[in-house]
N, C-alpha and C. Protein backbone atom coordinates (compact mmCIF):
# COMPACT_ATOMS: atom_id res chain seq x y z
N MET A 1 -14.69 -1.82 38.62
CA MET A 1 -14.73 -2.37 37.26
C MET A 1 -13.95 -1.44 36.32
N LYS A 2 -13.06 -2.00 35.55
CA LYS A 2 -12.26 -1.21 34.63
C LYS A 2 -13.05 -0.90 33.37
N ARG A 3 -13.01 0.35 32.98
CA ARG A 3 -13.69 0.82 31.77
C ARG A 3 -12.66 1.55 30.91
N TRP A 4 -13.01 1.79 29.65
CA TRP A 4 -12.12 2.51 28.74
C TRP A 4 -12.45 4.00 28.76
N TYR A 5 -11.42 4.81 28.89
CA TYR A 5 -11.56 6.27 28.88
C TYR A 5 -10.64 6.86 27.83
N VAL A 6 -11.03 8.01 27.31
CA VAL A 6 -10.23 8.72 26.32
C VAL A 6 -9.58 9.91 27.00
N VAL A 7 -8.27 10.05 26.78
CA VAL A 7 -7.51 11.15 27.37
C VAL A 7 -6.90 11.96 26.24
N GLN A 8 -7.07 13.27 26.30
CA GLN A 8 -6.47 14.15 25.31
C GLN A 8 -5.07 14.52 25.77
N VAL A 9 -4.10 14.39 24.85
CA VAL A 9 -2.70 14.71 25.15
C VAL A 9 -2.17 15.61 24.03
N TYR A 10 -0.97 16.17 24.24
CA TYR A 10 -0.36 16.98 23.19
C TYR A 10 -0.13 16.11 21.97
N THR A 11 -0.52 16.59 20.81
CA THR A 11 -0.33 15.85 19.58
C THR A 11 1.16 15.65 19.31
N GLY A 12 1.52 14.43 18.98
CA GLY A 12 2.91 14.10 18.72
C GLY A 12 3.62 13.52 19.93
N PHE A 13 2.99 13.61 21.10
CA PHE A 13 3.59 13.11 22.33
C PHE A 13 2.85 11.89 22.88
N GLU A 14 2.02 11.26 22.07
CA GLU A 14 1.21 10.15 22.54
C GLU A 14 2.06 9.01 23.12
N ASP A 15 3.11 8.62 22.40
CA ASP A 15 3.95 7.51 22.87
C ASP A 15 4.72 7.87 24.14
N ILE A 16 5.16 9.11 24.24
CA ILE A 16 5.89 9.56 25.42
C ILE A 16 4.97 9.56 26.65
N VAL A 17 3.74 10.05 26.48
CA VAL A 17 2.78 10.08 27.59
C VAL A 17 2.43 8.65 28.01
N LYS A 18 2.25 7.75 27.03
CA LYS A 18 1.95 6.35 27.34
C LYS A 18 3.07 5.74 28.18
N ALA A 19 4.32 5.93 27.76
CA ALA A 19 5.47 5.39 28.50
C ALA A 19 5.53 5.98 29.91
N ASP A 20 5.26 7.29 30.01
CA ASP A 20 5.29 7.95 31.31
C ASP A 20 4.20 7.40 32.23
N LEU A 21 3.00 7.22 31.69
CA LEU A 21 1.90 6.68 32.50
C LEU A 21 2.19 5.25 32.95
N ASP A 22 2.72 4.43 32.04
CA ASP A 22 3.08 3.05 32.42
C ASP A 22 4.06 3.06 33.59
N LYS A 23 5.05 3.94 33.51
CA LYS A 23 6.07 4.04 34.56
C LYS A 23 5.47 4.52 35.88
N ARG A 24 4.62 5.54 35.82
CA ARG A 24 4.02 6.10 37.04
C ARG A 24 3.07 5.13 37.72
N VAL A 25 2.34 4.33 36.94
CA VAL A 25 1.43 3.33 37.52
C VAL A 25 2.22 2.34 38.35
N VAL A 26 3.37 1.89 37.83
CA VAL A 26 4.21 0.93 38.57
C VAL A 26 4.83 1.60 39.79
N GLU A 27 5.33 2.82 39.63
CA GLU A 27 5.98 3.54 40.75
C GLU A 27 5.02 3.75 41.92
N GLU A 28 3.75 4.04 41.61
CA GLU A 28 2.79 4.32 42.68
C GLU A 28 1.98 3.08 43.07
N SER A 29 2.36 1.91 42.54
CA SER A 29 1.72 0.62 42.86
C SER A 29 0.21 0.66 42.65
N LEU A 30 -0.20 1.15 41.49
CA LEU A 30 -1.63 1.22 41.16
C LEU A 30 -1.99 0.28 40.01
N GLN A 31 -1.22 -0.81 39.86
CA GLN A 31 -1.48 -1.75 38.76
C GLN A 31 -2.87 -2.36 38.82
N ASP A 32 -3.43 -2.50 40.03
CA ASP A 32 -4.76 -3.09 40.16
C ASP A 32 -5.86 -2.17 39.64
N LEU A 33 -5.59 -0.87 39.53
CA LEU A 33 -6.58 0.07 39.02
C LEU A 33 -6.49 0.28 37.50
N PHE A 34 -5.36 -0.11 36.90
CA PHE A 34 -5.15 0.15 35.48
C PHE A 34 -5.04 -1.14 34.68
N GLY A 35 -5.55 -1.09 33.46
CA GLY A 35 -5.39 -2.18 32.50
C GLY A 35 -4.43 -1.71 31.42
N GLN A 36 -4.91 -1.72 30.19
CA GLN A 36 -4.07 -1.31 29.06
C GLN A 36 -4.09 0.20 28.87
N ILE A 37 -2.97 0.72 28.37
CA ILE A 37 -2.90 2.11 27.93
C ILE A 37 -2.48 2.04 26.47
N LEU A 38 -3.34 2.53 25.59
CA LEU A 38 -3.11 2.36 24.15
C LEU A 38 -3.01 3.68 23.40
N VAL A 39 -2.13 3.69 22.41
CA VAL A 39 -2.11 4.74 21.38
C VAL A 39 -2.75 4.07 20.17
N PRO A 40 -4.01 4.40 19.83
CA PRO A 40 -4.68 3.71 18.72
C PRO A 40 -3.96 3.98 17.39
N THR A 41 -3.43 2.90 16.81
CA THR A 41 -2.75 3.00 15.52
C THR A 41 -3.30 1.95 14.57
N VAL A 42 -3.06 2.18 13.29
CA VAL A 42 -3.46 1.23 12.26
C VAL A 42 -2.27 1.05 11.32
N GLU A 43 -2.11 -0.14 10.79
CA GLU A 43 -1.03 -0.42 9.87
C GLU A 43 -1.47 -0.03 8.47
N LEU A 44 -0.66 0.78 7.80
CA LEU A 44 -0.96 1.22 6.45
C LEU A 44 -0.17 0.40 5.45
N VAL A 45 -0.82 0.01 4.36
CA VAL A 45 -0.16 -0.75 3.31
C VAL A 45 -0.33 0.02 2.01
N SER A 46 0.77 0.25 1.31
CA SER A 46 0.72 0.95 0.04
C SER A 46 0.89 -0.07 -1.08
N PHE A 47 -0.02 -0.07 -2.02
CA PHE A 47 0.04 -1.01 -3.13
C PHE A 47 0.88 -0.50 -4.29
N PHE A 48 1.20 0.78 -4.30
CA PHE A 48 1.85 1.37 -5.45
C PHE A 48 3.31 1.72 -5.24
N THR A 49 3.81 1.60 -4.04
CA THR A 49 5.21 1.90 -3.79
C THR A 49 5.85 0.74 -3.05
N ASP A 50 7.16 0.75 -3.02
CA ASP A 50 7.88 -0.30 -2.31
C ASP A 50 8.16 0.09 -0.87
N ASN A 51 7.52 1.16 -0.40
CA ASN A 51 7.73 1.59 0.99
C ASN A 51 7.28 0.49 1.94
N LYS A 52 8.00 0.40 3.05
CA LYS A 52 7.60 -0.56 4.07
C LYS A 52 6.30 -0.08 4.71
N ASP A 53 5.59 -1.05 5.28
CA ASP A 53 4.34 -0.72 5.96
C ASP A 53 4.63 0.26 7.10
N LYS A 54 3.71 1.20 7.29
CA LYS A 54 3.86 2.20 8.35
C LYS A 54 2.68 2.10 9.28
N LYS A 55 2.88 2.57 10.50
CA LYS A 55 1.77 2.67 11.45
C LYS A 55 1.38 4.14 11.55
N GLU A 56 0.10 4.38 11.52
CA GLU A 56 -0.41 5.74 11.62
C GLU A 56 -1.42 5.80 12.75
N LYS A 57 -1.38 6.90 13.49
CA LYS A 57 -2.31 7.08 14.60
C LYS A 57 -3.72 7.31 14.06
N ILE A 58 -4.66 6.60 14.63
CA ILE A 58 -6.05 6.76 14.21
C ILE A 58 -6.62 8.07 14.77
N PHE A 59 -6.30 8.35 16.03
CA PHE A 59 -6.78 9.56 16.70
C PHE A 59 -5.59 10.34 17.24
N PRO A 60 -4.92 11.13 16.40
CA PRO A 60 -3.77 11.89 16.89
C PRO A 60 -4.18 12.79 18.06
N GLY A 61 -3.38 12.78 19.11
CA GLY A 61 -3.65 13.62 20.26
C GLY A 61 -4.51 12.95 21.33
N TYR A 62 -4.77 11.64 21.18
CA TYR A 62 -5.61 10.94 22.15
C TYR A 62 -5.01 9.59 22.54
N LEU A 63 -5.24 9.19 23.79
CA LEU A 63 -4.88 7.87 24.30
C LEU A 63 -6.14 7.19 24.78
N LEU A 64 -6.15 5.86 24.74
CA LEU A 64 -7.21 5.08 25.35
C LEU A 64 -6.63 4.43 26.60
N ILE A 65 -7.31 4.61 27.71
CA ILE A 65 -6.82 4.05 28.98
C ILE A 65 -7.92 3.20 29.59
N GLN A 66 -7.57 1.94 29.89
CA GLN A 66 -8.49 1.05 30.57
C GLN A 66 -8.17 1.15 32.07
N MET A 67 -9.13 1.65 32.83
CA MET A 67 -8.86 1.89 34.25
C MET A 67 -10.15 1.89 35.06
N GLU A 68 -9.97 1.72 36.34
CA GLU A 68 -11.07 1.87 37.28
C GLU A 68 -11.02 3.32 37.75
N MET A 69 -12.10 4.03 37.59
CA MET A 69 -12.12 5.46 37.90
C MET A 69 -12.24 5.66 39.41
N THR A 70 -11.13 6.05 40.02
CA THR A 70 -11.08 6.41 41.42
C THR A 70 -10.36 7.76 41.52
N GLY A 71 -10.33 8.33 42.68
CA GLY A 71 -9.64 9.59 42.87
C GLY A 71 -8.16 9.47 42.57
N GLU A 72 -7.56 8.34 43.00
CA GLU A 72 -6.12 8.14 42.79
C GLU A 72 -5.80 7.98 41.30
N SER A 73 -6.59 7.16 40.61
CA SER A 73 -6.30 6.92 39.19
C SER A 73 -6.55 8.20 38.37
N PHE A 74 -7.61 8.93 38.71
CA PHE A 74 -7.89 10.18 38.01
C PHE A 74 -6.75 11.17 38.21
N ARG A 75 -6.29 11.30 39.44
CA ARG A 75 -5.20 12.23 39.75
C ARG A 75 -3.92 11.84 39.02
N LEU A 76 -3.60 10.55 39.01
CA LEU A 76 -2.37 10.09 38.36
C LEU A 76 -2.36 10.46 36.88
N VAL A 77 -3.47 10.22 36.20
CA VAL A 77 -3.54 10.51 34.76
C VAL A 77 -3.59 12.00 34.50
N SER A 78 -4.49 12.70 35.17
CA SER A 78 -4.68 14.12 34.88
C SER A 78 -3.50 15.00 35.28
N SER A 79 -2.67 14.53 36.23
CA SER A 79 -1.51 15.32 36.64
C SER A 79 -0.25 14.98 35.84
N SER A 80 -0.37 14.07 34.90
CA SER A 80 0.80 13.69 34.09
C SER A 80 1.16 14.81 33.11
N PRO A 81 2.46 14.99 32.87
CA PRO A 81 2.88 16.01 31.91
C PRO A 81 2.31 15.71 30.52
N ARG A 82 1.93 16.75 29.80
CA ARG A 82 1.42 16.69 28.43
C ARG A 82 0.02 16.08 28.31
N VAL A 83 -0.65 15.84 29.44
CA VAL A 83 -2.04 15.39 29.42
C VAL A 83 -2.91 16.63 29.56
N THR A 84 -3.81 16.82 28.62
CA THR A 84 -4.67 17.99 28.63
C THR A 84 -5.90 17.76 29.51
N ARG A 85 -6.64 16.69 29.19
CA ARG A 85 -7.87 16.43 29.95
C ARG A 85 -8.45 15.07 29.57
N PHE A 86 -9.38 14.60 30.38
CA PHE A 86 -10.18 13.43 30.05
C PHE A 86 -11.32 13.87 29.15
N LEU A 87 -11.79 12.97 28.31
CA LEU A 87 -12.99 13.25 27.53
C LEU A 87 -14.16 13.29 28.52
N GLY A 88 -14.82 14.39 28.62
CA GLY A 88 -15.90 14.56 29.59
C GLY A 88 -15.52 15.55 30.68
N GLY A 89 -14.25 15.99 30.68
CA GLY A 89 -13.81 17.01 31.63
C GLY A 89 -13.67 16.48 33.04
N GLY A 90 -14.28 17.20 34.01
CA GLY A 90 -14.15 16.87 35.43
C GLY A 90 -14.82 15.56 35.80
N SER A 91 -15.85 15.19 35.08
CA SER A 91 -16.49 13.89 35.33
C SER A 91 -16.36 13.05 34.05
N PRO A 92 -15.23 12.35 33.91
CA PRO A 92 -14.94 11.60 32.68
C PRO A 92 -16.03 10.60 32.31
N VAL A 93 -16.26 10.49 31.02
CA VAL A 93 -17.26 9.58 30.48
C VAL A 93 -16.53 8.39 29.85
N SER A 94 -16.91 7.19 30.26
CA SER A 94 -16.27 6.00 29.68
C SER A 94 -16.89 5.69 28.33
N LEU A 95 -16.11 4.98 27.50
CA LEU A 95 -16.60 4.58 26.18
C LEU A 95 -17.56 3.41 26.33
N SER A 96 -18.55 3.34 25.46
CA SER A 96 -19.46 2.19 25.47
C SER A 96 -18.75 0.99 24.85
N ASP A 97 -19.27 -0.19 25.12
CA ASP A 97 -18.67 -1.41 24.55
C ASP A 97 -18.68 -1.37 23.03
N LYS A 98 -19.73 -0.81 22.46
CA LYS A 98 -19.85 -0.71 21.00
C LYS A 98 -18.74 0.19 20.43
N GLU A 99 -18.46 1.32 21.10
CA GLU A 99 -17.41 2.23 20.65
C GLU A 99 -16.03 1.57 20.77
N VAL A 100 -15.81 0.85 21.85
CA VAL A 100 -14.53 0.15 22.05
C VAL A 100 -14.34 -0.91 20.96
N ASP A 101 -15.38 -1.69 20.67
CA ASP A 101 -15.30 -2.71 19.63
C ASP A 101 -14.97 -2.09 18.27
N ARG A 102 -15.59 -0.95 17.97
CA ARG A 102 -15.35 -0.27 16.69
C ARG A 102 -13.90 0.18 16.59
N ILE A 103 -13.37 0.74 17.67
CA ILE A 103 -11.98 1.21 17.66
C ILE A 103 -11.01 0.04 17.50
N PHE A 104 -11.26 -1.06 18.21
CA PHE A 104 -10.38 -2.22 18.10
C PHE A 104 -10.47 -2.86 16.72
N SER A 105 -11.65 -2.84 16.10
CA SER A 105 -11.75 -3.39 14.74
C SER A 105 -10.99 -2.51 13.76
N GLN A 106 -10.98 -1.20 13.96
CA GLN A 106 -10.18 -0.31 13.12
C GLN A 106 -8.70 -0.60 13.30
N MET A 107 -8.29 -0.84 14.54
CA MET A 107 -6.88 -1.08 14.83
C MET A 107 -6.40 -2.43 14.27
N SER A 108 -7.25 -3.43 14.25
CA SER A 108 -6.83 -4.76 13.82
C SER A 108 -6.81 -4.92 12.30
N GLY A 109 -7.64 -4.16 11.59
CA GLY A 109 -7.67 -4.27 10.14
C GLY A 109 -6.58 -3.46 9.48
N LYS A 110 -6.23 -3.85 8.28
CA LYS A 110 -5.25 -3.08 7.53
C LYS A 110 -6.01 -2.16 6.59
N VAL A 111 -5.56 -0.93 6.50
CA VAL A 111 -6.21 0.06 5.66
C VAL A 111 -5.35 0.26 4.42
N ALA A 112 -5.93 0.12 3.25
CA ALA A 112 -5.18 0.31 2.01
C ALA A 112 -5.06 1.79 1.71
N VAL A 113 -3.86 2.20 1.39
CA VAL A 113 -3.62 3.60 1.06
C VAL A 113 -2.96 3.66 -0.31
N SER A 114 -3.54 4.44 -1.18
CA SER A 114 -2.94 4.59 -2.51
C SER A 114 -2.33 5.96 -2.62
N GLU A 115 -1.32 6.06 -3.45
CA GLU A 115 -0.73 7.37 -3.68
C GLU A 115 -1.73 8.18 -4.48
N GLU A 116 -1.86 9.43 -4.10
CA GLU A 116 -2.78 10.27 -4.82
C GLU A 116 -2.22 10.62 -6.18
N LYS A 117 -2.97 10.30 -7.20
CA LYS A 117 -2.56 10.62 -8.55
C LYS A 117 -3.61 11.57 -9.12
N SER A 118 -3.16 12.53 -9.85
CA SER A 118 -4.07 13.52 -10.40
C SER A 118 -5.01 12.88 -11.41
N MET A 119 -6.24 13.29 -11.34
CA MET A 119 -7.22 12.80 -12.29
C MET A 119 -6.96 13.40 -13.67
N PHE A 120 -6.39 14.58 -13.70
CA PHE A 120 -6.16 15.29 -14.94
C PHE A 120 -4.67 15.54 -15.13
N ALA A 121 -4.23 15.47 -16.37
CA ALA A 121 -2.83 15.75 -16.70
C ALA A 121 -2.78 16.62 -17.95
N VAL A 122 -1.74 17.43 -18.04
CA VAL A 122 -1.56 18.31 -19.20
C VAL A 122 -1.53 17.45 -20.45
N GLY A 123 -2.31 17.86 -21.44
CA GLY A 123 -2.37 17.14 -22.71
C GLY A 123 -3.57 16.23 -22.82
N ASN A 124 -4.24 15.91 -21.70
CA ASN A 124 -5.43 15.06 -21.77
C ASN A 124 -6.58 15.80 -22.43
N GLU A 125 -7.43 15.06 -23.07
CA GLU A 125 -8.60 15.62 -23.72
C GLU A 125 -9.78 15.55 -22.76
N VAL A 126 -10.55 16.64 -22.66
CA VAL A 126 -11.70 16.67 -21.76
C VAL A 126 -12.92 17.22 -22.49
N HIS A 127 -14.07 16.83 -21.99
CA HIS A 127 -15.35 17.31 -22.50
C HIS A 127 -15.95 18.21 -21.43
N ILE A 128 -16.31 19.43 -21.78
CA ILE A 128 -16.89 20.36 -20.81
C ILE A 128 -18.36 20.02 -20.66
N VAL A 129 -18.78 19.74 -19.41
CA VAL A 129 -20.15 19.27 -19.17
C VAL A 129 -21.06 20.33 -18.55
N SER A 130 -20.50 21.45 -18.05
CA SER A 130 -21.36 22.50 -17.51
C SER A 130 -20.70 23.85 -17.69
N GLY A 131 -21.53 24.88 -17.59
CA GLY A 131 -21.03 26.24 -17.75
C GLY A 131 -21.27 26.77 -19.16
N PRO A 132 -20.78 27.98 -19.46
CA PRO A 132 -21.04 28.58 -20.76
C PRO A 132 -20.39 27.84 -21.94
N PHE A 133 -19.37 27.03 -21.67
CA PHE A 133 -18.70 26.30 -22.74
C PHE A 133 -19.12 24.83 -22.78
N SER A 134 -20.27 24.54 -22.20
CA SER A 134 -20.79 23.18 -22.16
C SER A 134 -20.90 22.62 -23.58
N GLY A 135 -20.43 21.39 -23.76
CA GLY A 135 -20.47 20.75 -25.07
C GLY A 135 -19.16 20.85 -25.84
N PHE A 136 -18.28 21.77 -25.45
CA PHE A 136 -16.99 21.93 -26.11
C PHE A 136 -16.04 20.82 -25.66
N VAL A 137 -15.09 20.52 -26.53
CA VAL A 137 -14.02 19.59 -26.22
C VAL A 137 -12.72 20.36 -26.32
N GLY A 138 -11.81 20.11 -25.38
CA GLY A 138 -10.54 20.82 -25.40
C GLY A 138 -9.44 20.01 -24.75
N GLY A 139 -8.26 20.60 -24.75
CA GLY A 139 -7.11 19.94 -24.16
C GLY A 139 -6.64 20.68 -22.93
N ILE A 140 -6.19 19.94 -21.95
CA ILE A 140 -5.73 20.54 -20.69
C ILE A 140 -4.37 21.19 -20.91
N ASP A 141 -4.29 22.48 -20.54
CA ASP A 141 -3.05 23.24 -20.66
C ASP A 141 -2.35 23.37 -19.32
N LYS A 142 -3.12 23.57 -18.23
CA LYS A 142 -2.57 23.70 -16.88
C LYS A 142 -3.50 23.02 -15.89
N VAL A 143 -2.92 22.48 -14.80
CA VAL A 143 -3.69 21.85 -13.73
C VAL A 143 -3.27 22.49 -12.41
N ASP A 144 -4.25 23.00 -11.65
CA ASP A 144 -3.99 23.57 -10.33
C ASP A 144 -4.71 22.70 -9.30
N GLU A 145 -3.98 21.74 -8.73
CA GLU A 145 -4.56 20.78 -7.78
C GLU A 145 -5.10 21.47 -6.52
N ASP A 146 -4.38 22.48 -6.02
CA ASP A 146 -4.78 23.13 -4.78
C ASP A 146 -6.14 23.81 -4.90
N ARG A 147 -6.35 24.51 -6.00
CA ARG A 147 -7.61 25.21 -6.22
C ARG A 147 -8.65 24.35 -6.93
N GLU A 148 -8.25 23.16 -7.36
CA GLU A 148 -9.10 22.26 -8.14
C GLU A 148 -9.62 22.94 -9.38
N LYS A 149 -8.70 23.57 -10.09
CA LYS A 149 -9.03 24.26 -11.35
C LYS A 149 -8.11 23.75 -12.45
N ILE A 150 -8.62 23.75 -13.66
CA ILE A 150 -7.79 23.42 -14.82
C ILE A 150 -8.01 24.46 -15.90
N THR A 151 -6.96 24.71 -16.67
CA THR A 151 -7.05 25.61 -17.82
C THR A 151 -7.11 24.74 -19.07
N ILE A 152 -8.14 24.94 -19.84
CA ILE A 152 -8.38 24.14 -21.03
C ILE A 152 -8.28 25.04 -22.25
N LEU A 153 -7.63 24.54 -23.29
CA LEU A 153 -7.57 25.28 -24.55
C LEU A 153 -8.70 24.77 -25.42
N VAL A 154 -9.63 25.68 -25.73
CA VAL A 154 -10.81 25.35 -26.51
C VAL A 154 -10.73 26.11 -27.84
N SER A 155 -11.11 25.46 -28.92
CA SER A 155 -11.10 26.12 -30.23
C SER A 155 -12.39 26.90 -30.41
N ILE A 156 -12.24 28.24 -30.41
CA ILE A 156 -13.40 29.12 -30.63
C ILE A 156 -13.08 29.97 -31.85
N PHE A 157 -13.91 29.87 -32.88
CA PHE A 157 -13.71 30.57 -34.15
C PHE A 157 -12.32 30.30 -34.72
N GLY A 158 -11.86 29.05 -34.60
CA GLY A 158 -10.59 28.66 -35.19
C GLY A 158 -9.36 29.04 -34.37
N ARG A 159 -9.54 29.62 -33.21
CA ARG A 159 -8.40 29.98 -32.36
C ARG A 159 -8.48 29.24 -31.04
N LEU A 160 -7.31 28.86 -30.53
CA LEU A 160 -7.28 28.22 -29.23
C LEU A 160 -7.40 29.28 -28.15
N THR A 161 -8.43 29.14 -27.31
CA THR A 161 -8.70 30.10 -26.26
C THR A 161 -8.62 29.40 -24.90
N PRO A 162 -7.82 29.96 -23.98
CA PRO A 162 -7.75 29.33 -22.65
C PRO A 162 -9.01 29.63 -21.83
N VAL A 163 -9.53 28.58 -21.20
CA VAL A 163 -10.72 28.69 -20.37
C VAL A 163 -10.41 28.00 -19.05
N GLU A 164 -10.61 28.73 -17.92
CA GLU A 164 -10.37 28.13 -16.61
C GLU A 164 -11.68 27.57 -16.06
N LEU A 165 -11.65 26.30 -15.69
CA LEU A 165 -12.84 25.63 -15.17
C LEU A 165 -12.47 24.83 -13.93
N SER A 166 -13.48 24.48 -13.14
CA SER A 166 -13.24 23.63 -11.97
C SER A 166 -13.31 22.16 -12.41
N PHE A 167 -12.76 21.29 -11.58
CA PHE A 167 -12.70 19.86 -11.92
C PHE A 167 -14.07 19.28 -12.21
N ASP A 168 -15.11 19.73 -11.48
CA ASP A 168 -16.43 19.14 -11.66
C ASP A 168 -17.16 19.62 -12.91
N GLN A 169 -16.57 20.57 -13.64
CA GLN A 169 -17.20 21.06 -14.86
C GLN A 169 -16.74 20.32 -16.11
N VAL A 170 -15.81 19.37 -15.94
CA VAL A 170 -15.29 18.65 -17.09
C VAL A 170 -15.33 17.15 -16.87
N LYS A 171 -15.28 16.43 -17.98
CA LYS A 171 -15.23 14.97 -17.95
C LYS A 171 -14.04 14.55 -18.79
N LYS A 172 -13.20 13.72 -18.23
CA LYS A 172 -11.99 13.27 -18.92
C LYS A 172 -12.38 12.32 -20.05
N LEU A 173 -11.82 12.57 -21.23
CA LEU A 173 -12.10 11.70 -22.37
C LEU A 173 -10.98 10.70 -22.62
N GLY A 174 -9.76 11.17 -22.59
CA GLY A 174 -8.67 10.24 -22.87
C GLY A 174 -7.33 10.92 -22.82
N LYS A 175 -6.32 10.14 -23.15
CA LYS A 175 -4.96 10.66 -23.17
C LYS A 175 -4.59 11.01 -24.60
N GLY A 176 -3.41 11.54 -24.76
CA GLY A 176 -2.85 11.72 -26.10
C GLY A 176 -3.50 12.80 -26.91
N PHE A 177 -3.68 13.94 -26.34
CA PHE A 177 -4.23 15.08 -27.05
C PHE A 177 -3.06 15.74 -27.79
N GLN A 178 -2.45 14.97 -28.68
CA GLN A 178 -1.19 15.36 -29.31
C GLN A 178 -1.33 16.55 -30.25
N TRP A 179 -2.46 16.69 -30.91
CA TRP A 179 -2.60 17.81 -31.85
C TRP A 179 -2.51 19.14 -31.13
N LEU A 180 -2.91 19.19 -29.82
CA LEU A 180 -2.83 20.42 -29.05
C LEU A 180 -1.36 20.86 -28.90
N LYS A 181 -0.50 19.90 -28.60
CA LYS A 181 0.92 20.22 -28.45
C LYS A 181 1.50 20.74 -29.75
N LYS A 182 1.10 20.14 -30.85
CA LYS A 182 1.61 20.58 -32.15
C LYS A 182 1.13 21.99 -32.49
N LEU A 183 -0.14 22.27 -32.19
CA LEU A 183 -0.68 23.61 -32.48
C LEU A 183 0.02 24.67 -31.64
N LYS A 184 0.34 24.34 -30.38
CA LYS A 184 1.00 25.31 -29.50
C LYS A 184 2.42 25.60 -29.97
N GLN A 185 3.05 24.63 -30.64
CA GLN A 185 4.42 24.83 -31.11
C GLN A 185 4.47 25.71 -32.35
N MET A 186 3.39 25.82 -33.08
CA MET A 186 3.36 26.61 -34.33
C MET A 186 3.43 28.08 -34.06
């Protein structure tokens, strides 16, 4: 009985290993032991750009192989170049029907992908919700996406003072914090 197995391969070589396995199955006349060999991918659709739809691997570095587990089939797969191992090691474990159905439903559906846009932009007005400056309102002077920090100019005793806070310490109020730009130019 053919079952689905997961094989770990070198990341980036999934399609090459699939083509090689397809070729070797035919060369060694083992078609009766093998079913499908899949690189699980999903079609990505971007709503914000004119880019064409792309396919992305769901599990980079892994193949799904439908096969009957025998000594010959195990040897053929495990001895293939760029194949690391079966999931389960020396005694491979097949996927349950529920797991297979979940993977196929992921592959058949389209996943919406949006371009990441910053929640905060220089000049936006924010309200500080936690920390020692809680309750203050200020304007964003700098945004550091990598560290998830922003520098806010807050008016303390009539002077604009830079305060560095994390994204979760502030709440965005709106755009057009134009008076901040004018004050900085003075």
